[in-house]
Amino acid sequence: MAGQGSGGNVIAAICNFFIPGLGHLVQGRILGALFYFITVGVCYALAATVVLAIVFWPLGAILHLISIISAARFRGGVTA
């Protein structure tokens, strides 16, 4: 990837919009992909219980948004 704002980062951000963590997986960041996929998925699943929706739906939405921004702002690793 070329850097922040590159076409690859835009594609990764769009992928994260639909499935949290997918954009990180596209960028090759496996641990980040697993983290966002599991945490956002758990938050949305707990929000579906209705009783916990007040707490976990906003938390899931915030983490989902953070995953999108994280993929869009990724600069890539330093190669020497």
C-alpha atoms as a PDB file:
ATOM      1  CA  MET A   1       0.000   0.000   0.000  1.00  0.00           C
ATOM      2  CA  ALA A   2       1.220   3.462  -0.839  1.00  0.00           C
ATOM      3  CA  GLY A   3       0.176   5.183   2.371  1.00  0.00           C
ATOM      4  CA  GLN A   4      -2.616   7.085   4.018  1.00  0.00           C
ATOM      5  CA  GLY A   5      -5.349   7.998   1.567  1.00  0.00           C
ATOM      6  CA  SER A   6      -4.225   5.441  -1.007  1.00  0.00           C
ATOM      7  CA  GLY A   7      -6.759   3.440  -2.986  1.00  0.00           C
ATOM      8  CA  GLY A   8      -5.956   0.350  -0.936  1.00  0.00           C
ATOM      9  CA  ASN A   9      -6.847   2.145   2.276  1.00  0.00           C
ATOM     10  CA  VAL A  10     -10.140   3.313   0.797  1.00  0.00           C
ATOM     11  CA  ILE A  11     -11.006  -0.249  -0.226  1.00  0.00           C
ATOM     12  CA  ALA A  12     -10.036  -1.497   3.240  1.00  0.00           C
ATOM     13  CA  ALA A  13     -12.247   1.138   4.893  1.00  0.00           C
ATOM     14  CA  ILE A  14     -15.177   0.152   2.666  1.00  0.00           C
ATOM     15  CA  CYS A  15     -14.611  -3.521   3.530  1.00  0.00           C
ATOM     16  CA  ASN A  16     -14.647  -2.606   7.232  1.00  0.00           C
ATOM     17  CA  PHE A  17     -17.931  -0.765   6.740  1.00  0.00           C
ATOM     18  CA  PHE A  18     -19.633  -4.021   5.781  1.00  0.00           C
ATOM     19  CA  ILE A  19     -17.708  -6.495   7.978  1.00  0.00           C
ATOM     20  CA  PRO A  20     -15.598  -5.168  10.857  1.00  0.00           C
ATOM     21  CA  GLY A  21     -12.037  -6.441  10.518  1.00  0.00           C
ATOM     22  CA  LEU A  22     -12.253  -7.383   6.843  1.00  0.00           C
ATOM     23  CA  GLY A  23     -10.344  -4.271   5.800  1.00  0.00           C
ATOM     24  CA  HIS A  24      -7.566  -5.096   8.228  1.00  0.00           C
ATOM     25  CA  LEU A  25      -7.419  -8.586   6.760  1.00  0.00           C
ATOM     26  CA  VAL A  26      -7.141  -7.082   3.269  1.00  0.00           C
ATOM     27  CA  GLN A  27      -4.194  -5.011   4.534  1.00  0.00           C
ATOM     28  CA  GLY A  28      -2.556  -8.108   6.004  1.00  0.00           C
ATOM     29  CA  ARG A  29      -3.115  -7.176   9.644  1.00  0.00           C
ATOM     30  CA  ILE A  30      -4.490 -10.460  10.942  1.00  0.00           C
ATOM     31  CA  LEU A  31      -4.501  -9.679  14.677  1.00  0.00           C
ATOM     32  CA  GLY A  32      -6.302  -6.383  14.113  1.00  0.00           C
ATOM     33  CA  ALA A  33      -8.831  -8.140  11.901  1.00  0.00           C
ATOM     34  CA  LEU A  34      -9.536 -10.775  14.554  1.00  0.00           C
ATOM     35  CA  PHE A  35      -9.768  -8.170  17.301  1.00  0.00           C
ATOM     36  CA  TYR A  36     -12.320  -5.965  15.522  1.00  0.00           C
ATOM     37  CA  PHE A  37     -14.327  -8.883  14.111  1.00  0.00           C
ATOM     38  CA  ILE A  38     -14.695 -10.550  17.496  1.00  0.00           C
ATOM     39  CA  THR A  39     -15.206  -7.463  19.685  1.00  0.00           C
ATOM     40  CA  VAL A  40     -17.692  -5.731  17.390  1.00  0.00           C
ATOM     41  CA  GLY A  41     -19.483  -9.020  16.751  1.00  0.00           C
ATOM     42  CA  VAL A  42     -19.795  -9.728  20.464  1.00  0.00           C
ATOM     43  CA  CYS A  43     -21.046  -6.201  21.163  1.00  0.00           C
ATOM     44  CA  TYR A  44     -23.696  -6.456  18.442  1.00  0.00           C
ATOM     45  CA  ALA A  45     -24.684  -9.952  19.623  1.00  0.00           C
ATOM     46  CA  LEU A  46     -25.089  -8.729  23.195  1.00  0.00           C
ATOM     47  CA  ALA A  47     -27.064  -5.734  21.943  1.00  0.00           C
ATOM     48  CA  ALA A  48     -29.437  -8.158  20.227  1.00  0.00           C
ATOM     49  CA  THR A  49     -30.479  -9.466  23.650  1.00  0.00           C
ATOM     50  CA  VAL A  50     -32.450  -6.204  24.027  1.00  0.00           C
ATOM     51  CA  VAL A  51     -31.746  -6.030  27.773  1.00  0.00           C
ATOM     52  CA  LEU A  52     -28.119  -5.074  27.131  1.00  0.00           C
ATOM     53  CA  ALA A  53     -28.817  -3.017  23.996  1.00  0.00           C
ATOM     54  CA  ILE A  54     -28.439   0.327  25.783  1.00  0.00           C
ATOM     55  CA  VAL A  55     -24.853  -0.509  26.730  1.00  0.00           C
ATOM     56  CA  PHE A  56     -23.527  -2.671  23.932  1.00  0.00           C
ATOM     57  CA  TRP A  57     -25.089  -1.184  20.784  1.00  0.00           C
ATOM     58  CA  PRO A  58     -23.315   2.192  21.158  1.00  0.00           C
ATOM     59  CA  LEU A  59     -20.083   0.456  22.177  1.00  0.00           C
ATOM     60  CA  GLY A  60     -20.273  -1.802  19.112  1.00  0.00           C
ATOM     61  CA  ALA A  61     -21.019   1.151  16.854  1.00  0.00           C
ATOM     62  CA  ILE A  62     -18.072   3.123  18.241  1.00  0.00           C
ATOM     63  CA  LEU A  63     -15.691   0.175  17.803  1.00  0.00           C
ATOM     64  CA  HIS A  64     -17.053  -0.375  14.284  1.00  0.00           C
ATOM     65  CA  LEU A  65     -16.335   3.264  13.439  1.00  0.00           C
ATOM     66  CA  ILE A  66     -12.849   3.030  14.953  1.00  0.00           C
ATOM     67  CA  SER A  67     -12.117  -0.035  12.803  1.00  0.00           C
ATOM     68  CA  ILE A  68     -13.121   1.865   9.659  1.00  0.00           C
ATOM     69  CA  ILE A  69     -10.956   4.861  10.577  1.00  0.00           C
ATOM     70  CA  SER A  70      -8.050   2.596  11.532  1.00  0.00           C
ATOM     71  CA  ALA A  71      -8.097   0.921   8.121  1.00  0.00           C
ATOM     72  CA  ALA A  72      -8.361   4.260   6.318  1.00  0.00           C
ATOM     73  CA  ARG A  73      -5.411   5.797   8.172  1.00  0.00           C
ATOM     74  CA  PHE A  74      -3.061   2.788   7.949  1.00  0.00           C
ATOM     75  CA  ARG A  75       0.418   3.851   6.741  1.00  0.00           C
ATOM     76  CA  GLY A  76       2.029   0.436   6.341  1.00  0.00           C
ATOM     77  CA  GLY A  77       5.116  -1.039   7.895  1.00  0.00           C
ATOM     78  CA  VAL A  78       8.591   0.435   7.621  1.00  0.00           C
ATOM     79  CA  THR A  79      10.798  -1.521   5.247  1.00  0.00           C
ATOM     80  CA  ALA A  80      14.549  -1.134   5.440  1.00  0.00           C
END
